[in-house]
Amino acid sequence: MKILINYKWVLDETDITVDQEKRIMDTSRAKYKISEIDRNAIELGSTLKEKLGCDIISLTVGKGVKSSLKDVLSRGIDKAYYIESETLESSDTARILAAAIKKIGDVDLVICGEGSSDNYSQQVGPRLAGLLGYQLVTYASEVSPEDSDFKIVRKLEDEIETVKAKTPLVLTVVSEINEPKIPGMKQILSARKKPSEELKIEDLGLSPSERVSPVAVVKEGASIMDRKQVKLNNGDTSIKEAAVKLVQFLRNDKVI
């Protein structure tokens, strides 16, 4: 069995500052990292590798993703594939990844985080399944191999669902599935000896029009919560009167 972990190289949100007046995000000092839930996907791959005795590989696409190789290879990945793209925001990421997976070949299981730390669109996993013709199971909180199947517990909004699925399969995981290990010095040093391979977009068999995303980002801005700071109880107002005022304010703002 060959397992592929798809991950995204994203800006560390803790390094991003916001101009409160202009509502502009300043990313000039932000460093990059592996997207948080993608770390859970990598940890799951590493666990399955120990149980099944198989190889796990990784794939990523984006600007400057070569810088991510040392980190991802230190987390148990056997070989890392990457695609450098200067125009990721305008690219059809899922289609590019699907074409790369086909080029790599013989991939039985694709694991993704349910959403990336930056956009959290939750679209790449389902689209990959559709483009590859694989089965899809989303929101996995537990995964265990059973013979030729995988037993998967899905954490949904109001229920827990257990399913069985066969490969080829695309799996998206939630953050509760595990606690990603922090690589030790031994793992970091051994990562330098592991193989990596760059795949060129031009070699994936996609036309220029197929590489372009059907969705265009028109504008990005910082989300700022403005507090109204309305005082309902001035000392001479009863709790009942304050509660009535609160309900009226919420109704006026169409919260309730």
C-alpha atoms as a PDB file:
ATOM      1  CA  MET A   1       0.000   0.000   0.000  1.00  0.00           C
ATOM      2  CA  LYS A   2       1.157   3.517  -0.804  1.00  0.00           C
ATOM      3  CA  ILE A   3      -0.124   6.359   1.372  1.00  0.00           C
ATOM      4  CA  LEU A   4       0.163   9.994   0.291  1.00  0.00           C
ATOM      5  CA  ILE A   5      -0.245  12.917   2.689  1.00  0.00           C
ATOM      6  CA  ASN A   6      -1.304  16.186   1.130  1.00  0.00           C
ATOM      7  CA  TYR A   7      -0.308  19.284   3.114  1.00  0.00           C
ATOM      8  CA  LYS A   8      -0.225  23.056   2.683  1.00  0.00           C
ATOM      9  CA  TRP A   9       2.639  25.426   3.518  1.00  0.00           C
ATOM     10  CA  VAL A  10       0.925  28.433   5.107  1.00  0.00           C
ATOM     11  CA  LEU A  11       1.742  31.661   6.905  1.00  0.00           C
ATOM     12  CA  ASP A  12       1.893  31.341  10.681  1.00  0.00           C
ATOM     13  CA  GLU A  13      -1.163  33.260  11.860  1.00  0.00           C
ATOM     14  CA  THR A  14       0.555  34.174  15.139  1.00  0.00           C
ATOM     15  CA  ASP A  15       3.011  36.329  13.162  1.00  0.00           C
ATOM     16  CA  ILE A  16       0.314  38.262  11.290  1.00  0.00           C
ATOM     17  CA  THR A  17      -0.543  41.749  12.557  1.00  0.00           C
ATOM     18  CA  VAL A  18      -3.597  43.840  11.730  1.00  0.00           C
ATOM     19  CA  ASP A  19      -3.931  47.558  10.994  1.00  0.00           C
ATOM     20  CA  GLN A  20      -7.090  48.285  12.992  1.00  0.00           C
ATOM     21  CA  GLU A  21      -8.005  51.451  11.049  1.00  0.00           C
ATOM     22  CA  LYS A  22      -7.341  50.229   7.511  1.00  0.00           C
ATOM     23  CA  ARG A  23      -8.281  46.639   8.315  1.00  0.00           C
ATOM     24  CA  ILE A  24      -5.234  45.388   6.424  1.00  0.00           C
ATOM     25  CA  MET A  25      -3.227  42.310   7.378  1.00  0.00           C
ATOM     26  CA  ASP A  26       0.528  42.752   7.584  1.00  0.00           C
ATOM     27  CA  THR A  27       2.255  39.477   6.675  1.00  0.00           C
ATOM     28  CA  SER A  28       5.720  40.964   6.065  1.00  0.00           C
ATOM     29  CA  ARG A  29       7.191  39.370   9.210  1.00  0.00           C
ATOM     30  CA  ALA A  30       5.192  36.141   9.113  1.00  0.00           C
ATOM     31  CA  LYS A  31       7.056  32.860   8.826  1.00  0.00           C
ATOM     32  CA  TYR A  32       5.687  29.748   7.138  1.00  0.00           C
ATOM     33  CA  LYS A  33       4.633  26.438   8.708  1.00  0.00           C
ATOM     34  CA  ILE A  34       2.813  23.221   7.862  1.00  0.00           C
ATOM     35  CA  SER A  35      -0.912  23.851   8.238  1.00  0.00           C
ATOM     36  CA  GLU A  36      -2.098  22.747  11.685  1.00  0.00           C
ATOM     37  CA  ILE A  37      -4.574  20.003  10.749  1.00  0.00           C
ATOM     38  CA  ASP A  38      -2.233  18.758   8.022  1.00  0.00           C
ATOM     39  CA  ARG A  39       0.156  17.884  10.861  1.00  0.00           C
ATOM     40  CA  ASN A  40      -2.579  15.596  12.178  1.00  0.00           C
ATOM     41  CA  ALA A  41      -2.820  14.019   8.711  1.00  0.00           C
ATOM     42  CA  ILE A  42       0.941  13.408   8.699  1.00  0.00           C
ATOM     43  CA  GLU A  43       0.786  11.880  12.185  1.00  0.00           C
ATOM     44  CA  LEU A  44      -2.000   9.535  11.060  1.00  0.00           C
ATOM     45  CA  GLY A  45       0.098   8.488   8.066  1.00  0.00           C
ATOM     46  CA  SER A  46       3.030   7.752  10.364  1.00  0.00           C
ATOM     47  CA  THR A  47       0.798   5.636  12.621  1.00  0.00           C
ATOM     48  CA  LEU A  48      -0.582   3.649   9.678  1.00  0.00           C
ATOM     49  CA  LYS A  49       2.953   3.135   8.404  1.00  0.00           C
ATOM     50  CA  GLU A  50       3.873   1.392  11.673  1.00  0.00           C
ATOM     51  CA  LYS A  51       0.745  -0.794  11.571  1.00  0.00           C
ATOM     52  CA  LEU A  52       0.828  -1.706   7.874  1.00  0.00           C
ATOM     53  CA  GLY A  53       4.549  -1.615   7.162  1.00  0.00           C
ATOM     54  CA  CYS A  54       4.013   0.594   4.115  1.00  0.00           C
ATOM     55  CA  ASP A  55       5.702   3.681   2.714  1.00  0.00           C
ATOM     56  CA  ILE A  56       4.233   7.137   3.135  1.00  0.00           C
ATOM     57  CA  ILE A  57       4.952  10.037   0.828  1.00  0.00           C
ATOM     58  CA  SER A  58       3.886  13.671   0.879  1.00  0.00           C
ATOM     59  CA  LEU A  59       2.800  16.214  -1.707  1.00  0.00           C
ATOM     60  CA  THR A  60       2.448  19.977  -1.577  1.00  0.00           C
ATOM     61  CA  VAL A  61       2.077  22.852  -4.013  1.00  0.00           C
ATOM     62  CA  GLY A  62       2.723  26.547  -3.483  1.00  0.00           C
ATOM     63  CA  LYS A  63       5.223  29.349  -3.318  1.00  0.00           C
ATOM     64  CA  GLY A  64       8.481  28.538  -1.541  1.00  0.00           C
ATOM     65  CA  VAL A  65       7.329  25.039  -0.563  1.00  0.00           C
ATOM     66  CA  LYS A  66      10.847  23.645  -0.894  1.00  0.00           C
ATOM     67  CA  SER A  67      11.486  25.217   2.514  1.00  0.00           C
ATOM     68  CA  SER A  68       8.946  22.825   4.040  1.00  0.00           C
ATOM     69  CA  LEU A  69      10.782  19.625   3.099  1.00  0.00           C
ATOM     70  CA  LYS A  70      13.032  19.383   6.153  1.00  0.00           C
ATOM     71  CA  ASP A  71      10.062  19.743   8.493  1.00  0.00           C
ATOM     72  CA  VAL A  72       7.772  17.278   6.713  1.00  0.00           C
ATOM     73  CA  LEU A  73      10.497  14.650   6.226  1.00  0.00           C
ATOM     74  CA  SER A  74      11.359  14.812   9.930  1.00  0.00           C
ATOM     75  CA  ARG A  75       7.756  13.784  10.743  1.00  0.00           C
ATOM     76  CA  GLY A  76       8.015  10.253   9.351  1.00  0.00           C
ATOM     77  CA  ILE A  77       7.536  10.874   5.635  1.00  0.00           C
ATOM     78  CA  ASP A  78       9.704   8.596   3.452  1.00  0.00           C
ATOM     79  CA  LYS A  79       9.772  10.795   0.343  1.00  0.00           C
ATOM     80  CA  ALA A  80       8.481  14.294  -0.335  1.00  0.00           C
ATOM     81  CA  TYR A  81       7.129  15.573  -3.647  1.00  0.00           C
ATOM     82  CA  TYR A  82       6.613  19.280  -4.187  1.00  0.00           C
ATOM     83  CA  ILE A  83       5.404  21.675  -6.870  1.00  0.00           C
ATOM     84  CA  GLU A  84       6.642  25.259  -6.817  1.00  0.00           C
ATOM     85  CA  SER A  85       3.921  27.697  -7.864  1.00  0.00           C
ATOM     86  CA  GLU A  86       4.203  31.481  -7.695  1.00  0.00           C
ATOM     87  CA  THR A  87       0.487  31.918  -8.447  1.00  0.00           C
ATOM     88  CA  LEU A  88      -1.147  29.519  -5.984  1.00  0.00           C
ATOM     89  CA  GLU A  89      -4.073  31.837  -5.205  1.00  0.00           C
ATOM     90  CA  SER A  90      -5.140  31.856  -8.858  1.00  0.00           C
ATOM     91  CA  SER A  91      -4.377  28.172  -9.472  1.00  0.00           C
ATOM     92  CA  ASP A  92      -6.764  25.233  -9.375  1.00  0.00           C
ATOM     93  CA  THR A  93      -4.908  23.553  -6.525  1.00  0.00           C
ATOM     94  CA  ALA A  94      -7.039  20.408  -6.388  1.00  0.00           C
ATOM     95  CA  ARG A  95      -6.687  19.771 -10.131  1.00  0.00           C
ATOM     96  CA  ILE A  96      -2.904  20.271  -9.957  1.00  0.00           C
ATOM     97  CA  LEU A  97      -2.603  17.919  -6.971  1.00  0.00           C
ATOM     98  CA  ALA A  98      -4.798  15.290  -8.651  1.00  0.00           C
ATOM     99  CA  ALA A  99      -2.648  15.389 -11.793  1.00  0.00           C
ATOM    100  CA  ALA A 100       0.501  15.063  -9.650  1.00  0.00           C
ATOM    101  CA  ILE A 101      -0.930  12.071  -7.756  1.00  0.00           C
ATOM    102  CA  LYS A 102      -1.711  10.373 -11.065  1.00  0.00           C
ATOM    103  CA  LYS A 103       1.839  11.058 -12.236  1.00  0.00           C
ATOM    104  CA  ILE A 104       3.311   9.612  -9.026  1.00  0.00           C
ATOM    105  CA  GLY A 105       1.100   6.570  -9.539  1.00  0.00           C
ATOM    106  CA  ASP A 106      -0.193   3.630  -7.485  1.00  0.00           C
ATOM    107  CA  VAL A 107      -1.411   5.779  -4.589  1.00  0.00           C
ATOM    108  CA  ASP A 108      -3.968   3.815  -2.553  1.00  0.00           C
ATOM    109  CA  LEU A 109      -4.788   6.259   0.229  1.00  0.00           C
ATOM    110  CA  VAL A 110      -4.686  10.071   0.194  1.00  0.00           C
ATOM    111  CA  ILE A 111      -4.931  11.822   3.567  1.00  0.00           C
ATOM    112  CA  CYS A 112      -5.679  15.542   3.953  1.00  0.00           C
ATOM    113  CA  GLY A 113      -6.543  17.829   6.813  1.00  0.00           C
ATOM    114  CA  GLU A 114     -10.221  18.794   6.748  1.00  0.00           C
ATOM    115  CA  GLY A 115      -9.205  22.388   5.998  1.00  0.00           C
ATOM    116  CA  SER A 116      -6.093  24.547   5.809  1.00  0.00           C
ATOM    117  CA  SER A 117      -5.142  27.044   8.512  1.00  0.00           C
ATOM    118  CA  ASP A 118      -5.448  29.993   6.147  1.00  0.00           C
ATOM    119  CA  ASN A 119      -8.518  29.653   3.905  1.00  0.00           C
ATOM    120  CA  TYR A 120     -10.212  26.627   5.505  1.00  0.00           C
ATOM    121  CA  SER A 121     -12.361  26.096   2.409  1.00  0.00           C
ATOM    122  CA  GLN A 122     -12.604  22.308   3.023  1.00  0.00           C
ATOM    123  CA  GLN A 123     -12.735  21.746  -0.747  1.00  0.00           C
ATOM    124  CA  VAL A 124      -9.425  20.103  -1.676  1.00  0.00           C
ATOM    125  CA  GLY A 125     -10.152  16.657  -0.203  1.00  0.00           C
ATOM    126  CA  PRO A 126     -13.611  16.217  -1.764  1.00  0.00           C
ATOM    127  CA  ARG A 127     -12.449  17.617  -5.104  1.00  0.00           C
ATOM    128  CA  LEU A 128      -9.426  15.315  -5.125  1.00  0.00           C
ATOM    129  CA  ALA A 129     -11.716  12.312  -4.642  1.00  0.00           C
ATOM    130  CA  GLY A 130     -13.887  13.434  -7.536  1.00  0.00           C
ATOM    131  CA  LEU A 131     -10.968  14.125  -9.880  1.00  0.00           C
ATOM    132  CA  LEU A 132      -9.190  10.868  -9.015  1.00  0.00           C
ATOM    133  CA  GLY A 133     -12.331   8.726  -8.975  1.00  0.00           C
ATOM    134  CA  TYR A 134     -11.570   7.597  -5.406  1.00  0.00           C
ATOM    135  CA  GLN A 135     -13.989   6.979  -2.546  1.00  0.00           C
ATOM    136  CA  LEU A 136     -14.245   9.832  -0.032  1.00  0.00           C
ATOM    137  CA  VAL A 137     -14.631   9.846   3.756  1.00  0.00           C
ATOM    138  CA  THR A 138     -14.529  13.215   5.540  1.00  0.00           C
ATOM    139  CA  TYR A 139     -14.173  14.403   9.166  1.00  0.00           C
ATOM    140  CA  ALA A 140     -12.334  11.290  10.336  1.00  0.00           C
ATOM    141  CA  SER A 141     -11.606  11.280  14.077  1.00  0.00           C
ATOM    142  CA  GLU A 142     -10.427   7.636  14.289  1.00  0.00           C
ATOM    143  CA  VAL A 143      -8.922   5.389  11.609  1.00  0.00           C
ATOM    144  CA  SER A 144      -7.941   1.744  11.983  1.00  0.00           C
ATOM    145  CA  PRO A 145      -7.107  -0.851   9.313  1.00  0.00           C
ATOM    146  CA  GLU A 146      -9.258  -4.010   9.279  1.00  0.00           C
ATOM    147  CA  ASP A 147      -8.127  -6.630   6.763  1.00  0.00           C
ATOM    148  CA  SER A 148      -8.404  -4.895   3.387  1.00  0.00           C
ATOM    149  CA  ASP A 149     -10.735  -2.185   4.718  1.00  0.00           C
ATOM    150  CA  PHE A 150     -10.421   0.864   6.935  1.00  0.00           C
ATOM    151  CA  LYS A 151     -12.751   1.377   9.881  1.00  0.00           C
ATOM    152  CA  ILE A 152     -13.326   5.117  10.205  1.00  0.00           C
ATOM    153  CA  VAL A 153     -15.132   7.074  12.896  1.00  0.00           C
ATOM    154  CA  ARG A 154     -16.511  10.382  11.586  1.00  0.00           C
ATOM    155  CA  LYS A 155     -17.102  13.313  13.926  1.00  0.00           C
ATOM    156  CA  LEU A 156     -20.126  15.144  12.533  1.00  0.00           C
ATOM    157  CA  GLU A 157     -21.981  18.187  13.805  1.00  0.00           C
ATOM    158  CA  ASP A 158     -24.579  16.346  15.885  1.00  0.00           C
ATOM    159  CA  GLU A 159     -23.573  12.694  15.737  1.00  0.00           C
ATOM    160  CA  ILE A 160     -20.734  10.178  15.510  1.00  0.00           C
ATOM    161  CA  GLU A 161     -20.777   7.866  12.491  1.00  0.00           C
ATOM    162  CA  THR A 162     -18.700   4.710  11.940  1.00  0.00           C
ATOM    163  CA  VAL A 163     -18.070   3.530   8.382  1.00  0.00           C
ATOM    164  CA  LYS A 164     -15.935   1.018   6.520  1.00  0.00           C
ATOM    165  CA  ALA A 165     -14.184   1.979   3.296  1.00  0.00           C
ATOM    166  CA  LYS A 166     -11.929   0.307   0.764  1.00  0.00           C
ATOM    167  CA  THR A 167      -9.071   1.822  -1.171  1.00  0.00           C
ATOM    168  CA  PRO A 168      -8.505   3.750  -3.349  1.00  0.00           C
ATOM    169  CA  LEU A 169      -9.655   6.316  -0.844  1.00  0.00           C
ATOM    170  CA  VAL A 170      -9.354  10.021  -0.003  1.00  0.00           C
ATOM    171  CA  LEU A 171      -9.607  10.716   3.711  1.00  0.00           C
ATOM    172  CA  THR A 172      -9.915  14.087   5.457  1.00  0.00           C
ATOM    173  CA  VAL A 173      -9.172  14.240   9.185  1.00  0.00           C
ATOM    174  CA  VAL A 174     -10.144  16.511  12.074  1.00  0.00           C
ATOM    175  CA  SER A 175      -7.676  17.852  14.632  1.00  0.00           C
ATOM    176  CA  GLU A 176      -9.050  15.607  17.392  1.00  0.00           C
ATOM    177  CA  ILE A 177      -7.755  12.471  15.656  1.00  0.00           C
ATOM    178  CA  ASN A 178      -4.326  12.617  17.338  1.00  0.00           C
ATOM    179  CA  GLU A 179      -1.621  14.775  18.901  1.00  0.00           C
ATOM    180  CA  PRO A 180       1.170  15.403  16.352  1.00  0.00           C
ATOM    181  CA  LYS A 181       4.598  14.558  17.751  1.00  0.00           C
ATOM    182  CA  ILE A 182       7.335  17.175  17.773  1.00  0.00           C
ATOM    183  CA  PRO A 183      10.325  15.847  15.788  1.00  0.00           C
ATOM    184  CA  GLY A 184      13.438  15.185  17.862  1.00  0.00           C
ATOM    185  CA  MET A 185      17.020  15.933  16.893  1.00  0.00           C
ATOM    186  CA  LYS A 186      17.477  12.417  15.479  1.00  0.00           C
ATOM    187  CA  GLN A 187      14.445  12.805  13.192  1.00  0.00           C
ATOM    188  CA  ILE A 188      15.540  16.279  12.074  1.00  0.00           C
ATOM    189  CA  LEU A 189      19.044  15.090  11.179  1.00  0.00           C
ATOM    190  CA  SER A 190      17.797  11.987   9.355  1.00  0.00           C
ATOM    191  CA  ALA A 191      15.417  14.139   7.289  1.00  0.00           C
ATOM    192  CA  ARG A 192      18.421  15.489   5.376  1.00  0.00           C
ATOM    193  CA  LYS A 193      19.138  12.012   4.000  1.00  0.00           C
ATOM    194  CA  LYS A 194      15.598  11.345   2.789  1.00  0.00           C
ATOM    195  CA  PRO A 195      14.681  11.845  -0.888  1.00  0.00           C
ATOM    196  CA  SER A 196      12.569  14.635  -2.327  1.00  0.00           C
ATOM    197  CA  GLU A 197      11.462  15.332  -5.871  1.00  0.00           C
ATOM    198  CA  GLU A 198      10.184  18.441  -7.588  1.00  0.00           C
ATOM    199  CA  LEU A 199       7.336  17.994 -10.061  1.00  0.00           C
ATOM    200  CA  LYS A 200       6.901  20.638 -12.743  1.00  0.00           C
ATOM    201  CA  ILE A 201       3.393  21.900 -13.447  1.00  0.00           C
ATOM    202  CA  GLU A 202       4.252  21.870 -17.154  1.00  0.00           C
ATOM    203  CA  ASP A 203       4.830  18.095 -16.971  1.00  0.00           C
ATOM    204  CA  LEU A 204       1.464  17.206 -15.399  1.00  0.00           C
ATOM    205  CA  GLY A 205      -0.501  17.154 -18.650  1.00  0.00           C
ATOM    206  CA  LEU A 206      -2.723  20.115 -17.760  1.00  0.00           C
ATOM    207  CA  SER A 207      -3.485  22.880 -20.218  1.00  0.00           C
ATOM    208  CA  PRO A 208      -2.994  26.504 -19.048  1.00  0.00           C
ATOM    209  CA  SER A 209      -6.778  26.906 -18.729  1.00  0.00           C
ATOM    210  CA  GLU A 210      -7.052  23.768 -16.549  1.00  0.00           C
ATOM    211  CA  ARG A 211      -4.476  25.137 -14.138  1.00  0.00           C
ATOM    212  CA  VAL A 212      -6.502  28.293 -13.437  1.00  0.00           C
ATOM    213  CA  SER A 213      -8.962  28.289 -10.546  1.00  0.00           C
ATOM    214  CA  PRO A 214     -12.636  28.881 -11.447  1.00  0.00           C
ATOM    215  CA  VAL A 215     -12.851  31.036  -8.300  1.00  0.00           C
ATOM    216  CA  ALA A 216     -11.004  34.353  -8.078  1.00  0.00           C
ATOM    217  CA  VAL A 217     -10.154  36.087  -4.791  1.00  0.00           C
ATOM    218  CA  VAL A 218     -11.258  39.698  -5.280  1.00  0.00           C
ATOM    219  CA  LYS A 219     -10.154  41.132  -1.938  1.00  0.00           C
ATOM    220  CA  GLU A 220      -8.800  40.058   1.429  1.00  0.00           C
ATOM    221  CA  GLY A 221      -9.132  41.974   4.666  1.00  0.00           C
ATOM    222  CA  ALA A 222      -8.856  41.519   8.405  1.00  0.00           C
ATOM    223  CA  SER A 223     -11.922  40.486  10.358  1.00  0.00           C
ATOM    224  CA  ILE A 224     -12.310  42.803  13.358  1.00  0.00           C
ATOM    225  CA  MET A 225     -14.988  42.465  16.005  1.00  0.00           C
ATOM    226  CA  ASP A 226     -16.442  45.834  17.014  1.00  0.00           C
ATOM    227  CA  ARG A 227     -17.917  45.707  20.503  1.00  0.00           C
ATOM    228  CA  LYS A 228     -20.894  47.992  21.163  1.00  0.00           C
ATOM    229  CA  GLN A 229     -20.234  48.158  24.909  1.00  0.00           C
ATOM    230  CA  VAL A 230     -23.882  48.901  25.729  1.00  0.00           C
ATOM    231  CA  LYS A 231     -24.519  49.231  29.455  1.00  0.00           C
ATOM    232  CA  LEU A 232     -27.903  47.802  30.421  1.00  0.00           C
ATOM    233  CA  ASN A 233     -27.803  48.160  34.197  1.00  0.00           C
ATOM    234  CA  ASN A 234     -27.040  51.603  35.637  1.00  0.00           C
ATOM    235  CA  GLY A 235     -27.479  50.576  39.263  1.00  0.00           C
ATOM    236  CA  ASP A 236     -31.116  51.562  39.522  1.00  0.00           C
ATOM    237  CA  THR A 237     -32.308  49.092  36.892  1.00  0.00           C
ATOM    238  CA  SER A 238     -33.650  45.746  37.982  1.00  0.00           C
ATOM    239  CA  ILE A 239     -32.379  42.491  36.531  1.00  0.00           C
ATOM    240  CA  LYS A 240     -35.732  41.947  34.841  1.00  0.00           C
ATOM    241  CA  GLU A 241     -35.656  45.381  33.180  1.00  0.00           C
ATOM    242  CA  ALA A 242     -32.062  44.851  32.043  1.00  0.00           C
ATOM    243  CA  ALA A 243     -33.016  41.468  30.570  1.00  0.00           C
ATOM    244  CA  VAL A 244     -35.873  43.072  28.621  1.00  0.00           C
ATOM    245  CA  LYS A 245     -33.467  45.720  27.262  1.00  0.00           C
ATOM    246  CA  LEU A 246     -30.968  43.040  26.276  1.00  0.00           C
ATOM    247  CA  VAL A 247     -33.588  41.090  24.347  1.00  0.00           C
ATOM    248  CA  GLN A 248     -34.700  44.271  22.576  1.00  0.00           C
ATOM    249  CA  PHE A 249     -31.121  45.133  21.552  1.00  0.00           C
ATOM    250  CA  LEU A 250     -30.566  41.608  20.214  1.00  0.00           C
ATOM    251  CA  ARG A 251     -33.813  41.775  18.228  1.00  0.00           C
ATOM    252  CA  ASN A 252     -32.911  45.156  16.773  1.00  0.00           C
ATOM    253  CA  ASP A 253     -29.569  43.744  15.640  1.00  0.00           C
ATOM    254  CA  LYS A 254     -31.376  40.663  14.268  1.00  0.00           C
ATOM    255  CA  VAL A 255     -29.323  38.337  16.460  1.00  0.00           C
ATOM    256  CA  ILE A 256     -32.568  36.717  17.643  1.00  0.00           C
END
